[in-house]
C-alpha atoms as a PDB file:
ATOM      1  CA  MET A   1      -3.264  -1.799  27.306  1.00  0.00           C
ATOM      2  CA  LYS A   2      -0.319  -3.280  25.458  1.00  0.00           C
ATOM      3  CA  LEU A   3       1.565  -1.912  22.430  1.00  0.00           C
ATOM      4  CA  LEU A   4       3.535  -4.317  20.236  1.00  0.00           C
ATOM      5  CA  VAL A   5       6.195  -2.598  18.113  1.00  0.00           C
ATOM      6  CA  ILE A   6       7.179  -4.443  14.927  1.00  0.00           C
ATOM      7  CA  TYR A   7      10.236  -2.805  13.401  1.00  0.00           C
ATOM      8  CA  ASN A   8      11.694  -3.734  10.027  1.00  0.00           C
ATOM      9  CA  ARG A   9      15.265  -2.631  10.709  1.00  0.00           C
ATOM     10  CA  TYR A  10      16.133  -3.145   7.026  1.00  0.00           C
ATOM     11  CA  SER A  11      13.771  -0.382   5.908  1.00  0.00           C
ATOM     12  CA  ASN A  12      15.000   2.724   4.109  1.00  0.00           C
ATOM     13  CA  LYS A  13      15.086   4.877   7.251  1.00  0.00           C
ATOM     14  CA  LYS A  14      16.669   3.750  10.510  1.00  0.00           C
ATOM     15  CA  ILE A  15      15.167   4.372  13.933  1.00  0.00           C
ATOM     16  CA  SER A  16      17.829   5.187  16.511  1.00  0.00           C
ATOM     17  CA  ASP A  17      17.900   3.946  20.100  1.00  0.00           C
ATOM     18  CA  LYS A  18      17.322   7.556  21.160  1.00  0.00           C
ATOM     19  CA  LYS A  19      14.064   7.651  19.191  1.00  0.00           C
ATOM     20  CA  PHE A  20      12.934   4.379  20.729  1.00  0.00           C
ATOM     21  CA  GLU A  21      13.517   5.826  24.189  1.00  0.00           C
ATOM     22  CA  TYR A  22      11.512   8.900  23.205  1.00  0.00           C
ATOM     23  CA  LEU A  23       8.734   6.644  21.872  1.00  0.00           C
ATOM     24  CA  LYS A  24       8.501   4.680  25.137  1.00  0.00           C
ATOM     25  CA  LYS A  25       8.537   7.845  27.227  1.00  0.00           C
ATOM     26  CA  GLU A  26       5.785   9.555  25.202  1.00  0.00           C
ATOM     27  CA  LEU A  27       3.503   6.499  25.058  1.00  0.00           C
ATOM     28  CA  GLN A  28       3.902   5.125  28.576  1.00  0.00           C
ATOM     29  CA  ASP A  29       0.833   7.019  29.806  1.00  0.00           C
ATOM     30  CA  ILE A  30      -1.339   5.285  27.197  1.00  0.00           C
ATOM     31  CA  TYR A  31       0.108   1.776  27.243  1.00  0.00           C
ATOM     32  CA  ASP A  32       0.825  -0.229  30.377  1.00  0.00           C
ATOM     33  CA  GLU A  33       3.261  -2.396  28.420  1.00  0.00           C
ATOM     34  CA  ILE A  34       5.358  -1.667  25.332  1.00  0.00           C
ATOM     35  CA  GLU A  35       7.069  -4.680  23.764  1.00  0.00           C
ATOM     36  CA  ILE A  36       9.770  -4.200  21.116  1.00  0.00           C
ATOM     37  CA  PRO A  37      11.088  -7.624  20.043  1.00  0.00           C
ATOM     38  CA  LEU A  38      14.329  -7.925  18.075  1.00  0.00           C
ATOM     39  CA  ILE A  39      13.137  -8.982  14.648  1.00  0.00           C
ATOM     40  CA  ASP A  40      15.132 -10.675  11.901  1.00  0.00           C
ATOM     41  CA  LYS A  41      14.678  -9.429   8.316  1.00  0.00           C
ATOM     42  CA  THR A  42      12.595 -12.427   7.258  1.00  0.00           C
ATOM     43  CA  LYS A  43      10.469 -12.711  10.399  1.00  0.00           C
ATOM     44  CA  THR A  44       8.459  -9.506  10.814  1.00  0.00           C
ATOM     45  CA  THR A  45       5.175 -11.409  10.524  1.00  0.00           C
ATOM     46  CA  ASP A  46       6.161 -14.094  13.049  1.00  0.00           C
ATOM     47  CA  TYR A  47       5.361 -11.763  15.935  1.00  0.00           C
ATOM     48  CA  ILE A  48       1.803 -10.734  15.069  1.00  0.00           C
ATOM     49  CA  SER A  49       0.285 -13.436  17.281  1.00  0.00           C
ATOM     50  CA  ILE A  50       1.801 -11.890  20.413  1.00  0.00           C
ATOM     51  CA  PRO A  51      -1.182 -10.666  22.500  1.00  0.00           C
ATOM     52  CA  ALA A  52      -1.503  -6.875  22.189  1.00  0.00           C
ATOM     53  CA  ASP A  53      -4.172  -4.225  21.833  1.00  0.00           C
ATOM     54  CA  THR A  54      -2.219  -2.227  19.251  1.00  0.00           C
ATOM     55  CA  ILE A  55       0.517  -2.998  16.735  1.00  0.00           C
ATOM     56  CA  LEU A  56       2.900  -0.201  15.787  1.00  0.00           C
ATOM     57  CA  ILE A  57       4.403  -0.907  12.354  1.00  0.00           C
ATOM     58  CA  ILE A  58       7.792   0.717  11.720  1.00  0.00           C
ATOM     59  CA  GLY A  59       8.761   0.287   8.079  1.00  0.00           C
ATOM     60  CA  GLY A  60       7.506   1.060   4.605  1.00  0.00           C
ATOM     61  CA  ASP A  61       4.610  -0.035   2.426  1.00  0.00           C
ATOM     62  CA  GLY A  62       5.997  -3.559   2.017  1.00  0.00           C
ATOM     63  CA  THR A  63       6.203  -4.032   5.776  1.00  0.00           C
ATOM     64  CA  ALA A  64       2.665  -2.683   6.237  1.00  0.00           C
ATOM     65  CA  HIS A  65       1.372  -5.064   3.554  1.00  0.00           C
ATOM     66  CA  ASP A  66       3.119  -8.105   5.060  1.00  0.00           C
ATOM     67  CA  ILE A  67       1.899  -7.506   8.597  1.00  0.00           C
ATOM     68  CA  ILE A  68      -1.659  -6.345   7.915  1.00  0.00           C
ATOM     69  CA  SER A  69      -2.371  -9.029   5.309  1.00  0.00           C
ATOM     70  CA  LYS A  70      -1.201 -11.688   7.786  1.00  0.00           C
ATOM     71  CA  LEU A  71      -3.416 -10.213  10.502  1.00  0.00           C
ATOM     72  CA  LEU A  72      -6.350 -10.512   8.111  1.00  0.00           C
ATOM     73  CA  GLU A  73      -5.451 -14.075   7.117  1.00  0.00           C
ATOM     74  CA  LYS A  74      -5.291 -15.130  10.775  1.00  0.00           C
ATOM     75  CA  ASN A  75      -8.379 -13.057  11.681  1.00  0.00           C
ATOM     76  CA  LEU A  76      -6.438 -11.238  14.412  1.00  0.00           C
ATOM     77  CA  LYS A  77      -8.062  -7.996  15.527  1.00  0.00           C
ATOM     78  CA  ARG A  78      -5.533  -5.298  16.440  1.00  0.00           C
ATOM     79  CA  ASN A  79      -5.511  -1.516  16.364  1.00  0.00           C
ATOM     80  CA  ILE A  80      -2.840  -0.464  13.862  1.00  0.00           C
ATOM     81  CA  CYS A  81      -0.556   2.566  13.798  1.00  0.00           C
ATOM     82  CA  PHE A  82       2.664   3.487  11.995  1.00  0.00           C
ATOM     83  CA  ILE A  83       6.023   5.174  12.058  1.00  0.00           C
ATOM     84  CA  PRO A  84       6.983   5.708   8.388  1.00  0.00           C
ATOM     85  CA  ALA A  85      10.456   4.319   7.658  1.00  0.00           C
ATOM     86  CA  GLY A  86      10.268   3.170   4.040  1.00  0.00           C
ATOM     87  CA  THR A  87      10.895   4.795   0.662  1.00  0.00           C
ATOM     88  CA  CYS A  88       7.451   6.267  -0.118  1.00  0.00           C
ATOM     89  CA  ASN A  89       5.299   5.293   2.902  1.00  0.00           C
ATOM     90  CA  ASP A  90       2.162   5.792   0.817  1.00  0.00           C
ATOM     91  CA  TYR A  91      -0.115   3.735   3.065  1.00  0.00           C
ATOM     92  CA  ALA A  92       0.924   5.339   6.355  1.00  0.00           C
ATOM     93  CA  ARG A  93       0.724   8.842   4.854  1.00  0.00           C
ATOM     94  CA  ASN A  94      -2.894   8.110   3.953  1.00  0.00           C
ATOM     95  CA  PHE A  95      -3.664   8.318   7.688  1.00  0.00           C
ATOM     96  CA  GLY A  96      -1.535  11.378   8.433  1.00  0.00           C
ATOM     97  CA  TYR A  97       1.790   9.688   9.321  1.00  0.00           C
ATOM     98  CA  LYS A  98       4.418  11.869   7.655  1.00  0.00           C
ATOM     99  CA  SER A  99       7.272  11.986  10.189  1.00  0.00           C
ATOM    100  CA  PHE A 100       8.451  10.387  13.424  1.00  0.00           C
ATOM    101  CA  LYS A 101       7.166  13.142  15.739  1.00  0.00           C
ATOM    102  CA  LYS A 102       3.890  13.473  13.822  1.00  0.00           C
ATOM    103  CA  ALA A 103       3.412   9.723  14.212  1.00  0.00           C
ATOM    104  CA  ILE A 104       3.907   9.865  17.984  1.00  0.00           C
ATOM    105  CA  LYS A 105       1.356  12.690  18.208  1.00  0.00           C
ATOM    106  CA  ILE A 106      -1.236  10.693  16.244  1.00  0.00           C
ATOM    107  CA  ILE A 107      -0.680   7.569  18.343  1.00  0.00           C
ATOM    108  CA  LYS A 108      -1.118   9.551  21.556  1.00  0.00           C
ATOM    109  CA  GLN A 109      -4.460  10.912  20.334  1.00  0.00           C
ATOM    110  CA  ASN A 110      -5.619   7.288  19.872  1.00  0.00           C
ATOM    111  CA  HIS A 111      -8.398   8.224  17.425  1.00  0.00           C
ATOM    112  CA  ILE A 112      -9.473   4.947  15.789  1.00  0.00           C
ATOM    113  CA  ILE A 113     -11.226   4.749  12.421  1.00  0.00           C
ATOM    114  CA  LYS A 114     -12.579   1.835  10.400  1.00  0.00           C
ATOM    115  CA  HIS A 115     -10.902   1.200   7.053  1.00  0.00           C
ATOM    116  CA  ASP A 116     -11.442  -1.286   4.236  1.00  0.00           C
ATOM    117  CA  ALA A 117      -9.095  -4.022   3.080  1.00  0.00           C
ATOM    118  CA  TYR A 118      -9.323  -6.306   0.039  1.00  0.00           C
ATOM    119  CA  LYS A 119      -9.252 -10.041  -0.549  1.00  0.00           C
ATOM    120  CA  ILE A 120      -7.561 -11.386  -3.677  1.00  0.00           C
ATOM    121  CA  ASN A 121      -8.084 -15.118  -4.174  1.00  0.00           C
ATOM    122  CA  ASP A 122      -7.011 -16.539  -0.785  1.00  0.00           C
ATOM    123  CA  ASN A 123      -4.795 -13.589   0.140  1.00  0.00           C
ATOM    124  CA  TYR A 124      -5.266  -9.942   1.116  1.00  0.00           C
ATOM    125  CA  PHE A 125      -4.009  -6.519   0.122  1.00  0.00           C
ATOM    126  CA  ILE A 126      -4.481  -3.138   1.726  1.00  0.00           C
ATOM    127  CA  TYR A 127      -4.393  -0.373  -0.861  1.00  0.00           C
ATOM    128  CA  GLY A 128      -3.411  -1.171  -4.433  1.00  0.00           C
ATOM    129  CA  ILE A 129      -3.392  -3.616  -7.326  1.00  0.00           C
ATOM    130  CA  ALA A 130      -1.767  -2.921 -10.691  1.00  0.00           C
ATOM    131  CA  SER A 131      -0.859  -4.711 -13.902  1.00  0.00           C
ATOM    132  CA  GLY A 132       0.868  -3.748 -17.142  1.00  0.00           C
ATOM    133  CA  GLY A 133       2.546  -0.460 -17.991  1.00  0.00           C
ATOM    134  CA  ILE A 134       5.183   0.450 -15.410  1.00  0.00           C
ATOM    135  CA  SER A 135       3.577  -1.498 -12.548  1.00  0.00           C
ATOM    136  CA  MET A 136       6.640  -3.704 -11.996  1.00  0.00           C
ATOM    137  CA  ILE A 137       8.874  -0.803 -10.964  1.00  0.00           C
ATOM    138  CA  SER A 138       8.055  -0.993  -7.251  1.00  0.00           C
ATOM    139  CA  TYR A 139       9.509  -4.499  -6.927  1.00  0.00           C
ATOM    140  CA  ASP A 140      12.112  -4.299  -9.687  1.00  0.00           C
ATOM    141  CA  VAL A 141      14.339  -1.630  -8.122  1.00  0.00           C
ATOM    142  CA  ASP A 142      17.401  -2.855  -6.257  1.00  0.00           C
ATOM    143  CA  GLU A 143      17.108  -2.462  -2.465  1.00  0.00           C
ATOM    144  CA  THR A 144      20.549  -0.844  -2.246  1.00  0.00           C
ATOM    145  CA  LYS A 145      19.559   1.793  -4.790  1.00  0.00           C
ATOM    146  CA  LYS A 146      16.329   2.495  -2.906  1.00  0.00           C
ATOM    147  CA  ARG A 147      18.286   3.128   0.300  1.00  0.00           C
ATOM    148  CA  LYS A 148      20.746   5.440  -1.459  1.00  0.00           C
ATOM    149  CA  GLU A 149      18.442   7.264  -3.869  1.00  0.00           C
ATOM    150  CA  GLY A 150      15.009   6.996  -2.217  1.00  0.00           C
ATOM    151  CA  LYS A 151      12.078   7.799  -4.518  1.00  0.00           C
ATOM    152  CA  LEU A 152      14.498   8.930  -7.216  1.00  0.00           C
ATOM    153  CA  ALA A 153      15.417   5.268  -7.805  1.00  0.00           C
ATOM    154  CA  TYR A 154      11.844   4.606  -8.912  1.00  0.00           C
ATOM    155  CA  TYR A 155      11.628   7.646 -11.154  1.00  0.00           C
ATOM    156  CA  ILE A 156      14.888   6.831 -12.935  1.00  0.00           C
ATOM    157  CA  ARG A 157      13.674   3.282 -13.539  1.00  0.00           C
ATOM    158  CA  ILE A 158      10.470   4.607 -15.097  1.00  0.00           C
ATOM    159  CA  LEU A 159      12.432   6.072 -18.010  1.00  0.00           C
ATOM    160  CA  LYS A 160      13.684   2.590 -18.908  1.00  0.00           C
ATOM    161  CA  TYR A 161      10.238   1.018 -18.901  1.00  0.00           C
ATOM    162  CA  ILE A 162       8.592   3.671 -21.056  1.00  0.00           C
ATOM    163  CA  PHE A 163      10.415   2.328 -24.082  1.00  0.00           C
ATOM    164  CA  LYS A 164      11.244  -1.289 -23.179  1.00  0.00           C
ATOM    165  CA  THR A 165       7.974  -2.737 -21.856  1.00  0.00           C
ATOM    166  CA  PRO A 166       5.096  -3.778 -24.145  1.00  0.00           C
ATOM    167  CA  ALA A 167       2.732  -0.906 -24.799  1.00  0.00           C
ATOM    168  CA  ASN A 168      -0.407  -2.918 -24.006  1.00  0.00           C
ATOM    169  CA  ALA A 169      -1.555  -6.244 -22.579  1.00  0.00           C
ATOM    170  CA  ARG A 170      -4.748  -8.267 -23.011  1.00  0.00           C
ATOM    171  CA  TYR A 171      -7.248  -8.325 -20.139  1.00  0.00           C
ATOM    172  CA  GLU A 172     -10.576  -9.940 -19.405  1.00  0.00           C
ATOM    173  CA  ILE A 173     -12.272  -8.115 -16.536  1.00  0.00           C
ATOM    174  CA  SER A 174     -15.602  -9.313 -15.150  1.00  0.00           C
ATOM    175  CA  TYR A 175     -17.838  -7.471 -12.676  1.00  0.00           C
ATOM    176  CA  ASP A 176     -21.549  -7.490 -11.737  1.00  0.00           C
ATOM    177  CA  GLY A 177     -22.456  -9.756 -14.663  1.00  0.00           C
ATOM    178  CA  ASN A 178     -20.461  -7.689 -17.189  1.00  0.00           C
ATOM    179  CA  THR A 179     -17.237  -8.606 -18.990  1.00  0.00           C
ATOM    180  CA  ILE A 180     -14.679  -6.324 -20.669  1.00  0.00           C
ATOM    181  CA  THR A 181     -12.112  -7.931 -22.977  1.00  0.00           C
ATOM    182  CA  ASP A 182      -9.607  -5.522 -24.481  1.00  0.00           C
ATOM    183  CA  ASN A 183      -6.004  -4.320 -24.575  1.00  0.00           C
ATOM    184  CA  PHE A 184      -4.976  -1.843 -21.888  1.00  0.00           C
ATOM    185  CA  TYR A 185      -1.777   0.025 -21.186  1.00  0.00           C
ATOM    186  CA  LEU A 186      -2.314  -0.241 -17.436  1.00  0.00           C
ATOM    187  CA  VAL A 187      -4.891  -1.647 -15.021  1.00  0.00           C
ATOM    188  CA  LEU A 188      -4.758   0.160 -11.688  1.00  0.00           C
ATOM    189  CA  GLY A 189      -6.872  -0.277  -8.569  1.00  0.00           C
ATOM    190  CA  VAL A 190      -6.209   2.135  -5.716  1.00  0.00           C
ATOM    191  CA  ASP A 191      -7.712   2.766  -2.277  1.00  0.00           C
ATOM    192  CA  ASN A 192      -5.244   5.361  -1.054  1.00  0.00           C
ATOM    193  CA  ARG A 193      -4.626   9.065  -1.394  1.00  0.00           C
ATOM    194  CA  TYR A 194      -0.913   8.531  -2.043  1.00  0.00           C
ATOM    195  CA  LEU A 195       0.770   6.538  -4.794  1.00  0.00           C
ATOM    196  CA  GLY A 196       4.454   6.552  -5.739  1.00  0.00           C
ATOM    197  CA  GLY A 197       4.976   9.423  -3.302  1.00  0.00           C
ATOM    198  CA  PHE A 198       2.419  11.620  -5.087  1.00  0.00           C
ATOM    199  CA  LYS A 199      -0.808  12.931  -3.574  1.00  0.00           C
ATOM    200  CA  LEU A 200      -3.942  11.798  -5.393  1.00  0.00           C
ATOM    201  CA  ASN A 201      -7.527  12.958  -5.267  1.00  0.00           C
ATOM    202  CA  LYS A 202      -9.126  12.801  -1.787  1.00  0.00           C
ATOM    203  CA  LYS A 203     -11.864  10.626  -3.298  1.00  0.00           C
ATOM    204  CA  PHE A 204      -9.457   7.679  -3.350  1.00  0.00           C
ATOM    205  CA  ARG A 205      -9.197   7.481   0.445  1.00  0.00           C
ATOM    206  CA  ASN A 206     -11.195   4.380   1.459  1.00  0.00           C
ATOM    207  CA  ASN A 207     -13.014   4.530  -1.890  1.00  0.00           C
ATOM    208  CA  PHE A 208     -11.578   1.902  -4.228  1.00  0.00           C
ATOM    209  CA  LYS A 209     -11.336   2.697  -7.934  1.00  0.00           C
ATOM    210  CA  LEU A 210     -10.271   0.212 -10.639  1.00  0.00           C
ATOM    211  CA  ILE A 211      -9.113   2.242 -13.626  1.00  0.00           C
ATOM    212  CA  LEU A 212      -8.471   0.764 -17.070  1.00  0.00           C
ATOM    213  CA  PHE A 213      -6.030   2.914 -19.023  1.00  0.00           C
ATOM    214  CA  LYS A 214      -6.882   2.375 -22.677  1.00  0.00           C
ATOM    215  CA  LYS A 215      -4.437   1.017 -25.240  1.00  0.00           C
ATOM    216  CA  ARG A 216      -1.917   3.571 -26.467  1.00  0.00           C
ATOM    217  CA  ASN A 217       1.650   3.688 -27.606  1.00  0.00           C
ATOM    218  CA  ARG A 218       4.174   3.667 -24.777  1.00  0.00           C
ATOM    219  CA  LEU A 219       4.679   7.409 -24.560  1.00  0.00           C
ATOM    220  CA  LYS A 220       0.972   8.333 -24.639  1.00  0.00           C
ATOM    221  CA  GLY A 221       0.183   5.630 -22.089  1.00  0.00           C
ATOM    222  CA  PHE A 222       2.876   6.949 -19.792  1.00  0.00           C
ATOM    223  CA  ILE A 223       1.651  10.547 -20.187  1.00  0.00           C
ATOM    224  CA  SER A 224      -1.913   9.487 -19.294  1.00  0.00           C
ATOM    225  CA  PHE A 225      -0.727   7.651 -16.192  1.00  0.00           C
ATOM    226  CA  THR A 226       1.627  10.392 -14.972  1.00  0.00           C
ATOM    227  CA  SER A 227      -1.079  13.017 -15.482  1.00  0.00           C
ATOM    228  CA  PHE A 228      -3.311  10.953 -13.218  1.00  0.00           C
ATOM    229  CA  ILE A 229      -0.524  10.531 -10.628  1.00  0.00           C
ATOM    230  CA  ILE A 230       0.662  14.159 -10.561  1.00  0.00           C
ATOM    231  CA  PHE A 231      -2.732  15.885 -10.657  1.00  0.00           C
ATOM    232  CA  GLY A 232      -4.793  13.214  -8.914  1.00  0.00           C
ATOM    233  CA  ARG A 233      -7.594  13.436 -11.467  1.00  0.00           C
ATOM    234  CA  LEU A 234      -9.557  10.550 -12.865  1.00  0.00           C
ATOM    235  CA  PRO A 235      -8.683  10.166 -16.557  1.00  0.00           C
ATOM    236  CA  LYS A 236     -11.655  11.194 -18.692  1.00  0.00           C
ATOM    237  CA  LYS A 237     -10.961   8.904 -21.654  1.00  0.00           C
ATOM    238  CA  ASP A 238     -10.246   5.787 -19.633  1.00  0.00           C
ATOM    239  CA  PHE A 239     -12.724   3.406 -18.054  1.00  0.00           C
ATOM    240  CA  ILE A 240     -13.507   3.120 -14.332  1.00  0.00           C
ATOM    241  CA  VAL A 241     -14.998  -0.206 -13.241  1.00  0.00           C
ATOM    242  CA  PRO A 242     -18.092   0.698 -11.145  1.00  0.00           C
ATOM    243  CA  SER A 243     -17.556  -2.124  -8.653  1.00  0.00           C
ATOM    244  CA  ASP A 244     -15.095  -3.216  -5.979  1.00  0.00           C
ATOM    245  CA  ASN A 245     -15.804  -6.908  -6.644  1.00  0.00           C
ATOM    246  CA  PHE A 246     -14.286  -8.135  -9.893  1.00  0.00           C
ATOM    247  CA  LYS A 247     -12.203 -10.777 -11.676  1.00  0.00           C
ATOM    248  CA  ILE A 248      -9.100 -10.241 -13.821  1.00  0.00           C
ATOM    249  CA  LYS A 249      -7.558 -12.640 -16.351  1.00  0.00           C
ATOM    250  CA  THR A 250      -4.351 -11.569 -18.091  1.00  0.00           C
ATOM    251  CA  ASP A 251      -0.934 -12.737 -19.275  1.00  0.00           C
ATOM    252  CA  ALA A 252       0.688  -9.658 -17.707  1.00  0.00           C
ATOM    253  CA  TYR A 253       2.268  -9.496 -14.262  1.00  0.00           C
ATOM    254  CA  ILE A 254       0.166  -8.368 -11.318  1.00  0.00           C
ATOM    255  CA  ASN A 255       1.507  -6.003  -8.664  1.00  0.00           C
ATOM    256  CA  LEU A 256      -0.069  -6.174  -5.209  1.00  0.00           C
ATOM    257  CA  ASP A 257       0.708  -3.347  -2.763  1.00  0.00           C
ATOM    258  CA  GLY A 258       4.014  -2.894  -4.574  1.00  0.00           C
ATOM    259  CA  GLU A 259       4.949  -6.603  -4.605  1.00  0.00           C
ATOM    260  CA  LEU A 260       4.812  -9.223  -7.370  1.00  0.00           C
ATOM    261  CA  TYR A 261       1.758 -11.468  -7.016  1.00  0.00           C
ATOM    262  CA  GLU A 262       2.187 -14.965  -8.417  1.00  0.00           C
ATOM    263  CA  SER A 263      -1.139 -15.288 -10.229  1.00  0.00           C
ATOM    264  CA  GLN A 264      -2.550 -13.972 -13.481  1.00  0.00           C
ATOM    265  CA  GLU A 265      -6.160 -14.919 -12.807  1.00  0.00           C
ATOM    266  CA  VAL A 266      -7.582 -13.246  -9.705  1.00  0.00           C
ATOM    267  CA  GLU A 267     -10.852 -12.508  -7.959  1.00  0.00           C
ATOM    268  CA  VAL A 268     -10.957  -9.365  -5.834  1.00  0.00           C
ATOM    269  CA  SER A 269     -13.535  -8.373  -3.229  1.00  0.00           C
ATOM    270  CA  ARG A 270     -13.805  -5.625  -0.641  1.00  0.00           C
ATOM    271  CA  CYS A 271     -13.619  -6.403   3.082  1.00  0.00           C
ATOM    272  CA  LYS A 272     -15.585  -3.474   4.457  1.00  0.00           C
ATOM    273  CA  ASP A 273     -14.317  -1.917   7.710  1.00  0.00           C
ATOM    274  CA  ALA A 274     -11.896  -4.808   8.212  1.00  0.00           C
ATOM    275  CA  LEU A 275      -9.193  -2.658   9.842  1.00  0.00           C
ATOM    276  CA  ASN A 276      -8.965  -0.442  12.929  1.00  0.00           C
ATOM    277  CA  ILE A 277      -6.454   2.312  12.173  1.00  0.00           C
ATOM    278  CA  ILE A 278      -5.224   4.973  14.593  1.00  0.00           C
ATOM    279  CA  SER A 279      -5.387   8.088  12.437  1.00  0.00           C
ATOM    280  CA  ASP A 280      -5.721  11.867  12.469  1.00  0.00           C
ATOM    281  CA  ILE A 281      -8.392  11.574   9.756  1.00  0.00           C
ATOM    282  CA  LYS A 282     -11.717  12.444  11.364  1.00  0.00           C
ATOM    283  CA  ARG A 283     -13.831   9.566  10.187  1.00  0.00           C
ATOM    284  CA  LYS A 284     -15.844   7.034  12.165  1.00  0.00           C
END
């Protein structure tokens, strides 16, 4: 078997040569070949076509999104594992990857589970879509600040957006023959137990929920969202779309796996069991 290591060396956390040597030593009994190409900042996805049984992604949520979405676009079947090296690492943490040594242990166990992905128009995402409210924070924080301050850079930025962004935006959301047209503070779809570094309800793991946070003033909207983030509970007064196939039309920006998505009219559908993830989660 062959392991292809794709390392975003511009991620928040650096992987030393010593750790790479440890990685190769620990995994040599599982993989006959371990390839670690030198990758330029803008070319992490150029290497996914290299023949390999497993791809090890070293980076953060942005790196995971770039690589996995490209694998889906090209219909390339690979087992996927991670070494978390970004700011929050929400996606990797969903499968138990919380540190370098923990990651090596999970990879050695080689327990593979099926996991969903999502198609949005002609593209893909892996765990989250958001619009309105404070959804632009993940891509609006300077990279230098993220490296210096980590998650704190996001939380500081939140304080600015509470009072400077519009309180609500207009949305038309269609699903299963139904249409909702209303103002919402935030539209959030999540298929992950972690978001913004916080642990959510276990029900969100591989169980997509599109939540419509009802119109409020800025402060009340923020309180509703942070209560959901911190305690991981579904908001009682807000609406949950009972479908993972839906359309959204809005004038607000759309955030896709933490990145700006250049469309304000989208169709989303679930790709059931599209991914093979090496994980310590005991699920078939």
